[in-house]
């Protein structure tokens, strides 16, 4: 799966990009009709420790899923968001099977 990653107001290292690509690729095992995925990484200028925002948008035929998580690290946000997307994709696949 091709993952378009955009980092807002900072430079992202290759290690994080590889981690995101690896996690997003796992979503293909749950639903293979993913058209594209966009990932946005943002850092808020606040004094909170949870100032990293991970947002993922996945497009599937006829629909799209958006997950936005705010955490201490981007890795934590990726893990939580991918788990949420996994549940959504499984639910969509079950619905499609029920209509057949």
N, C-alpha and C. Protein backbone atom coordinates (compact mmCIF):
# COMPACT_ATOMS: atom_id res chain seq x y z
N UNK A 1 0.85 -1.17 0.00
CA UNK A 1 0.00 0.00 0.00
C UNK A 1 0.89 1.23 0.00
N UNK A 2 0.54 2.20 -0.82
CA UNK A 2 1.28 3.46 -0.87
C UNK A 2 0.74 4.38 0.21
N UNK A 3 1.62 4.84 1.06
CA UNK A 3 1.24 5.73 2.15
C UNK A 3 1.85 7.10 1.88
N UNK A 4 1.00 8.11 1.71
CA UNK A 4 1.47 9.49 1.54
C UNK A 4 1.58 10.12 2.92
N UNK A 5 2.80 10.46 3.31
CA UNK A 5 3.03 11.01 4.65
C UNK A 5 3.40 12.48 4.54
N UNK A 6 2.74 13.30 5.33
CA UNK A 6 3.05 14.73 5.38
C UNK A 6 3.32 15.12 6.82
N UNK A 7 4.46 15.77 7.03
CA UNK A 7 4.81 16.27 8.35
C UNK A 7 4.63 17.78 8.35
N UNK A 8 3.86 18.28 9.30
CA UNK A 8 3.56 19.71 9.37
C UNK A 8 4.49 20.37 10.39
N UNK A 9 5.24 21.35 9.95
CA UNK A 9 6.11 22.19 10.79
C UNK A 9 7.31 21.47 11.39
N UNK A 10 7.71 20.33 10.85
CA UNK A 10 8.94 19.68 11.31
C UNK A 10 9.38 18.67 10.26
N UNK A 11 10.65 18.24 10.36
CA UNK A 11 11.19 17.25 9.44
C UNK A 11 11.11 15.88 10.10
N UNK A 12 10.61 14.91 9.37
CA UNK A 12 10.44 13.56 9.91
C UNK A 12 11.62 12.71 9.45
N UNK A 13 12.10 11.83 10.36
CA UNK A 13 13.24 10.98 10.00
C UNK A 13 12.76 9.72 9.28
N UNK A 14 13.67 9.08 8.58
CA UNK A 14 13.34 7.91 7.77
C UNK A 14 12.87 6.74 8.64
N UNK A 15 13.41 6.64 9.84
CA UNK A 15 13.03 5.56 10.75
C UNK A 15 11.53 5.60 11.07
N UNK A 16 11.01 6.79 11.33
CA UNK A 16 9.58 6.95 11.62
C UNK A 16 8.75 6.65 10.38
N UNK A 17 9.21 7.10 9.22
CA UNK A 17 8.49 6.82 7.97
C UNK A 17 8.40 5.32 7.71
N UNK A 18 9.49 4.61 7.95
CA UNK A 18 9.49 3.15 7.75
C UNK A 18 8.53 2.48 8.73
N UNK A 19 8.52 2.95 9.97
CA UNK A 19 7.63 2.40 11.00
C UNK A 19 6.16 2.59 10.58
N UNK A 20 5.83 3.78 10.11
CA UNK A 20 4.45 4.07 9.68
C UNK A 20 4.08 3.19 8.49
N UNK A 21 4.99 3.07 7.52
CA UNK A 21 4.72 2.24 6.34
C UNK A 21 4.48 0.79 6.74
N UNK A 22 5.29 0.28 7.65
CA UNK A 22 5.18 -1.11 8.10
C UNK A 22 3.82 -1.35 8.78
N UNK A 23 3.41 -0.44 9.66
CA UNK A 23 2.15 -0.60 10.37
C UNK A 23 0.95 -0.48 9.43
N UNK A 24 1.01 0.47 8.50
CA UNK A 24 -0.09 0.67 7.56
C UNK A 24 -0.21 -0.51 6.60
N UNK A 25 0.90 -1.13 6.25
CA UNK A 25 0.87 -2.30 5.36
C UNK A 25 0.11 -3.46 6.00
N UNK A 26 0.12 -3.55 7.31
CA UNK A 26 -0.60 -4.63 8.00
C UNK A 26 -2.11 -4.53 7.79
N UNK A 27 -2.60 -3.33 7.48
CA UNK A 27 -4.04 -3.14 7.26
C UNK A 27 -4.51 -3.88 6.00
N UNK A 28 -3.59 -4.11 5.05
CA UNK A 28 -3.95 -4.84 3.83
C UNK A 28 -4.41 -6.26 4.13
N UNK A 29 -3.96 -6.84 5.23
CA UNK A 29 -4.35 -8.21 5.55
C UNK A 29 -5.81 -8.28 6.00
N UNK A 30 -6.37 -7.16 6.45
CA UNK A 30 -7.75 -7.15 6.94
C UNK A 30 -8.74 -6.73 5.86
N UNK A 31 -8.28 -5.88 4.94
CA UNK A 31 -9.17 -5.41 3.87
C UNK A 31 -8.28 -5.05 2.69
N UNK A 32 -8.38 -5.81 1.60
CA UNK A 32 -7.43 -5.65 0.51
C UNK A 32 -7.85 -4.65 -0.56
N UNK A 33 -8.97 -3.96 -0.38
CA UNK A 33 -9.45 -3.03 -1.39
C UNK A 33 -9.13 -1.57 -1.03
N UNK A 34 -8.10 -1.34 -0.26
CA UNK A 34 -7.72 0.02 0.11
C UNK A 34 -7.15 0.72 -1.12
N UNK A 35 -7.71 1.88 -1.46
CA UNK A 35 -7.27 2.63 -2.64
C UNK A 35 -6.01 3.42 -2.32
N UNK A 36 -6.08 4.23 -1.27
CA UNK A 36 -4.91 5.03 -0.88
C UNK A 36 -5.00 5.38 0.59
N UNK A 37 -3.89 5.81 1.13
CA UNK A 37 -3.87 6.24 2.52
C UNK A 37 -2.99 7.48 2.65
N UNK A 38 -3.48 8.44 3.40
CA UNK A 38 -2.76 9.67 3.68
C UNK A 38 -2.53 9.76 5.18
N UNK A 39 -1.32 10.14 5.56
CA UNK A 39 -0.95 10.28 6.97
C UNK A 39 -0.44 11.69 7.19
N UNK A 40 -0.92 12.32 8.25
CA UNK A 40 -0.49 13.66 8.62
C UNK A 40 0.10 13.62 10.02
N UNK A 41 1.31 14.16 10.16
CA UNK A 41 1.99 14.23 11.45
C UNK A 41 2.10 15.70 11.83
N UNK A 42 1.64 16.03 13.04
CA UNK A 42 1.67 17.42 13.49
C UNK A 42 2.21 17.48 14.91
N UNK A 43 2.89 18.57 15.21
CA UNK A 43 3.34 18.84 16.58
C UNK A 43 2.71 20.14 17.01
N UNK A 44 1.93 20.08 18.10
CA UNK A 44 1.31 21.29 18.63
C UNK A 44 2.30 22.02 19.53
N UNK A 45 2.25 23.33 19.50
CA UNK A 45 3.12 24.13 20.34
C UNK A 45 2.44 24.39 21.68
N UNK A 46 2.36 23.34 22.48
CA UNK A 46 1.77 23.47 23.81
C UNK A 46 2.74 22.92 24.83
N UNK A 47 2.46 23.19 26.09
CA UNK A 47 3.32 22.68 27.15
C UNK A 47 2.94 21.26 27.55
N UNK A 48 1.83 20.74 27.00
CA UNK A 48 1.43 19.37 27.29
C UNK A 48 2.46 18.38 26.75
N UNK A 49 2.57 17.23 27.42
CA UNK A 49 3.45 16.18 26.92
C UNK A 49 2.83 15.48 25.73
N UNK A 50 1.50 15.44 25.69
CA UNK A 50 0.80 14.80 24.57
C UNK A 50 0.55 15.85 23.49
N UNK A 51 1.62 16.24 22.79
CA UNK A 51 1.49 17.28 21.78
C UNK A 51 1.71 16.76 20.36
N UNK A 52 1.84 15.46 20.18
CA UNK A 52 2.04 14.87 18.85
C UNK A 52 0.69 14.36 18.33
N UNK A 53 0.33 14.80 17.14
CA UNK A 53 -0.95 14.41 16.54
C UNK A 53 -0.68 13.55 15.31
N UNK A 54 -1.27 12.36 15.30
CA UNK A 54 -1.18 11.45 14.17
C UNK A 54 -2.58 11.33 13.57
N UNK A 55 -2.70 11.65 12.29
CA UNK A 55 -3.99 11.56 11.61
C UNK A 55 -3.82 10.71 10.37
N UNK A 56 -4.69 9.73 10.20
CA UNK A 56 -4.64 8.84 9.03
C UNK A 56 -5.98 8.86 8.33
N UNK A 57 -5.94 8.92 7.01
CA UNK A 57 -7.15 8.87 6.19
C UNK A 57 -6.97 7.75 5.18
N UNK A 58 -7.87 6.78 5.22
CA UNK A 58 -7.80 5.63 4.32
C UNK A 58 -9.02 5.65 3.41
N UNK A 59 -8.78 5.55 2.11
CA UNK A 59 -9.87 5.54 1.14
C UNK A 59 -10.10 4.12 0.65
N UNK A 60 -11.35 3.69 0.72
CA UNK A 60 -11.77 2.40 0.19
C UNK A 60 -12.92 2.69 -0.78
N UNK A 61 -13.24 1.75 -1.66
CA UNK A 61 -14.33 2.02 -2.62
C UNK A 61 -15.64 2.40 -1.91
N UNK A 62 -16.11 3.61 -2.20
CA UNK A 62 -17.38 4.07 -1.65
C UNK A 62 -17.32 4.69 -0.27
N UNK A 63 -16.15 4.77 0.34
CA UNK A 63 -16.08 5.28 1.70
C UNK A 63 -14.65 5.69 2.03
N UNK A 64 -14.49 6.36 3.15
CA UNK A 64 -13.15 6.64 3.67
C UNK A 64 -13.21 6.67 5.19
N UNK A 65 -12.11 6.30 5.80
CA UNK A 65 -12.01 6.26 7.26
C UNK A 65 -10.95 7.25 7.71
N UNK A 66 -11.28 8.01 8.75
CA UNK A 66 -10.33 8.99 9.29
C UNK A 66 -10.16 8.72 10.77
N UNK A 67 -8.90 8.65 11.20
CA UNK A 67 -8.60 8.45 12.61
C UNK A 67 -7.58 9.51 13.01
N UNK A 68 -7.85 10.17 14.13
CA UNK A 68 -6.96 11.21 14.62
C UNK A 68 -6.63 10.91 16.08
N UNK A 69 -5.36 10.78 16.40
CA UNK A 69 -4.93 10.46 17.76
C UNK A 69 -3.88 11.46 18.22
N UNK A 70 -3.96 11.82 19.49
CA UNK A 70 -2.99 12.73 20.10
C UNK A 70 -2.29 11.99 21.23
N UNK A 71 -0.96 11.87 21.14
CA UNK A 71 -0.20 11.08 22.10
C UNK A 71 1.13 11.74 22.42
N UNK A 72 1.90 11.07 23.27
CA UNK A 72 3.23 11.56 23.65
C UNK A 72 4.23 11.35 22.53
N UNK A 73 4.12 10.22 21.81
CA UNK A 73 5.04 9.93 20.71
C UNK A 73 4.24 9.56 19.47
N UNK A 74 4.85 9.73 18.31
CA UNK A 74 4.18 9.35 17.08
C UNK A 74 4.00 7.84 16.98
N UNK A 75 4.95 7.09 17.52
CA UNK A 75 4.86 5.63 17.47
C UNK A 75 3.62 5.13 18.23
N UNK A 76 3.38 5.73 19.39
CA UNK A 76 2.20 5.38 20.18
C UNK A 76 0.92 5.74 19.41
N UNK A 77 0.91 6.90 18.79
CA UNK A 77 -0.24 7.33 18.00
C UNK A 77 -0.50 6.41 16.82
N UNK A 78 0.58 5.97 16.16
CA UNK A 78 0.44 5.05 15.03
C UNK A 78 -0.17 3.74 15.50
N UNK A 79 0.32 3.19 16.60
CA UNK A 79 -0.20 1.91 17.11
C UNK A 79 -1.69 2.00 17.42
N UNK A 80 -2.09 3.05 18.11
CA UNK A 80 -3.49 3.21 18.50
C UNK A 80 -4.38 3.43 17.28
N UNK A 81 -3.92 4.28 16.36
CA UNK A 81 -4.70 4.59 15.17
C UNK A 81 -4.85 3.37 14.26
N UNK A 82 -3.78 2.60 14.09
CA UNK A 82 -3.85 1.41 13.24
C UNK A 82 -4.80 0.37 13.84
N UNK A 83 -4.79 0.24 15.17
CA UNK A 83 -5.72 -0.69 15.82
C UNK A 83 -7.17 -0.24 15.59
N UNK A 84 -7.42 1.05 15.64
CA UNK A 84 -8.75 1.58 15.40
C UNK A 84 -9.17 1.37 13.94
N UNK A 85 -8.26 1.63 13.01
CA UNK A 85 -8.55 1.41 11.59
C UNK A 85 -8.79 -0.07 11.31
N UNK A 86 -8.05 -0.91 11.99
CA UNK A 86 -8.21 -2.36 11.83
C UNK A 86 -9.64 -2.78 12.18
N UNK A 87 -10.14 -2.27 13.30
CA UNK A 87 -11.52 -2.58 13.72
C UNK A 87 -12.53 -2.06 12.69
N UNK A 88 -12.31 -0.85 12.20
CA UNK A 88 -13.24 -0.27 11.23
C UNK A 88 -13.25 -1.07 9.93
N UNK A 89 -12.07 -1.48 9.47
CA UNK A 89 -12.00 -2.25 8.22
C UNK A 89 -12.63 -3.63 8.37
N UNK A 90 -12.43 -4.26 9.53
CA UNK A 90 -13.05 -5.57 9.78
C UNK A 90 -14.58 -5.43 9.79
N UNK A 91 -15.07 -4.36 10.41
CA UNK A 91 -16.51 -4.14 10.49
C UNK A 91 -17.08 -3.91 9.09
N UNK A 92 -16.37 -3.15 8.26
CA UNK A 92 -16.84 -2.89 6.89
C UNK A 92 -16.86 -4.18 6.08
N UNK A 93 -15.83 -4.99 6.24
CA UNK A 93 -15.75 -6.24 5.50
C UNK A 93 -16.90 -7.17 5.91
N UNK A 94 -17.22 -7.20 7.19
CA UNK A 94 -18.32 -8.03 7.69
C UNK A 94 -19.67 -7.55 7.13
N UNK A 95 -19.83 -6.24 7.04
CA UNK A 95 -21.06 -5.69 6.49
C UNK A 95 -21.21 -6.08 5.02
N UNK A 96 -20.12 -5.97 4.27
CA UNK A 96 -20.17 -6.31 2.85
C UNK A 96 -20.48 -7.78 2.65
N UNK A 97 -19.94 -8.64 3.50
CA UNK A 97 -20.21 -10.08 3.41
C UNK A 97 -21.67 -10.37 3.75
N UNK A 98 -22.25 -9.62 4.65
CA UNK A 98 -23.64 -9.84 5.05
C UNK A 98 -24.60 -9.51 3.91
N UNK A 99 -24.22 -8.59 3.04
CA UNK A 99 -25.08 -8.19 1.93
C UNK A 99 -24.99 -9.12 0.73
N UNK A 100 -24.04 -10.02 0.74
CA UNK A 100 -23.90 -10.94 -0.41
C UNK A 100 -24.88 -12.08 -0.37
